């Protein structure tokens, strides 16, 4: 079920939002909702990763299975 959230942003941020939405041929409101949802998903993912690695021994097990060093395609979060 969709719910409505109201936020206030300054004029400069709103103009940037409109430009980015226009570049993607999207309604600014729809674009803003999608960006917000993506950022929330990213935050939940990173929080889940931190909790996973906080489990005693999990960091070592992960490093044992996948290697202690990030691969060439890894990027900083």
Protein backbone atom coordinates (compact mmCIF):
# COMPACT_ATOMS: atom_id res chain seq x y z
CA UNK A 1 0.00 0.00 0.00
CA UNK A 2 1.38 3.40 -0.97
CA UNK A 3 1.53 6.16 1.59
CA UNK A 4 2.13 9.85 1.19
CA UNK A 5 5.11 11.67 2.68
CA UNK A 6 5.44 15.41 2.47
CA UNK A 7 8.89 16.99 2.54
CA UNK A 8 10.15 20.51 2.05
CA UNK A 9 13.29 21.28 0.07
CA UNK A 10 14.81 24.60 -0.85
CA UNK A 11 14.36 26.18 -4.28
CA UNK A 12 17.81 25.14 -5.52
CA UNK A 13 17.22 21.47 -4.65
CA UNK A 14 13.77 21.57 -6.24
CA UNK A 15 15.17 23.04 -9.45
CA UNK A 16 17.80 20.29 -9.55
CA UNK A 17 15.08 17.69 -8.98
CA UNK A 18 13.04 19.15 -11.84
CA UNK A 19 16.08 19.14 -14.17
CA UNK A 20 16.91 15.53 -13.39
CA UNK A 21 13.29 14.45 -13.79
CA UNK A 22 13.06 16.30 -17.11
CA UNK A 23 16.26 14.59 -18.36
CA UNK A 24 14.63 11.22 -17.59
CA UNK A 25 11.26 12.26 -19.03
CA UNK A 26 9.54 11.72 -15.68
CA UNK A 27 7.14 13.69 -13.55
CA UNK A 28 9.17 15.39 -10.78
CA UNK A 29 6.91 13.93 -8.07
CA UNK A 30 7.30 10.39 -9.41
CA UNK A 31 11.04 10.86 -9.81
CA UNK A 32 11.40 12.21 -6.26
CA UNK A 33 9.47 9.24 -4.88
CA UNK A 34 11.66 6.78 -6.77
CA UNK A 35 14.89 8.46 -5.62
CA UNK A 36 13.69 8.51 -2.01
CA UNK A 37 12.73 4.82 -2.18
CA UNK A 38 16.14 3.92 -3.65
CA UNK A 39 17.97 5.83 -0.92
CA UNK A 40 15.91 4.14 1.80
CA UNK A 41 16.62 0.73 0.26
CA UNK A 42 20.33 1.52 0.16
CA UNK A 43 20.29 2.62 3.81
CA UNK A 44 18.46 -0.58 4.86
CA UNK A 45 20.94 -2.69 2.87
CA UNK A 46 23.96 -1.01 4.47
CA UNK A 47 22.41 -1.32 7.92
CA UNK A 48 21.77 -5.01 7.29
CA UNK A 49 25.38 -5.48 6.17
CA UNK A 50 26.66 -3.81 9.33
CA UNK A 51 24.44 -6.01 11.51
CA UNK A 52 25.56 -9.12 9.59
CA UNK A 53 29.23 -8.29 10.08
CA UNK A 54 28.66 -7.46 13.76
CA UNK A 55 27.73 -11.09 14.51
CA UNK A 56 30.72 -12.67 16.30
CA UNK A 57 32.88 -14.58 13.83
CA UNK A 58 30.87 -13.54 10.77
CA UNK A 59 33.47 -11.09 9.45
CA UNK A 60 36.13 -13.79 9.61
CA UNK A 61 33.84 -16.38 7.97
CA UNK A 62 32.97 -13.95 5.20
CA UNK A 63 36.66 -13.19 4.60
CA UNK A 64 37.47 -16.91 4.63
CA UNK A 65 34.85 -17.65 1.97
CA UNK A 66 35.24 -14.62 -0.24
CA UNK A 67 38.71 -13.29 0.51
CA UNK A 68 39.86 -10.51 2.80
CA UNK A 69 40.39 -7.95 0.01
CA UNK A 70 37.67 -6.34 -2.14
CA UNK A 71 37.58 -7.39 -5.77
CA UNK A 72 38.29 -5.07 -8.71
CA UNK A 73 34.59 -4.20 -9.14
CA UNK A 74 34.04 -3.24 -5.48
CA UNK A 75 33.11 0.36 -4.74
CA UNK A 76 32.98 2.23 -1.47
CA UNK A 77 29.49 2.65 0.00
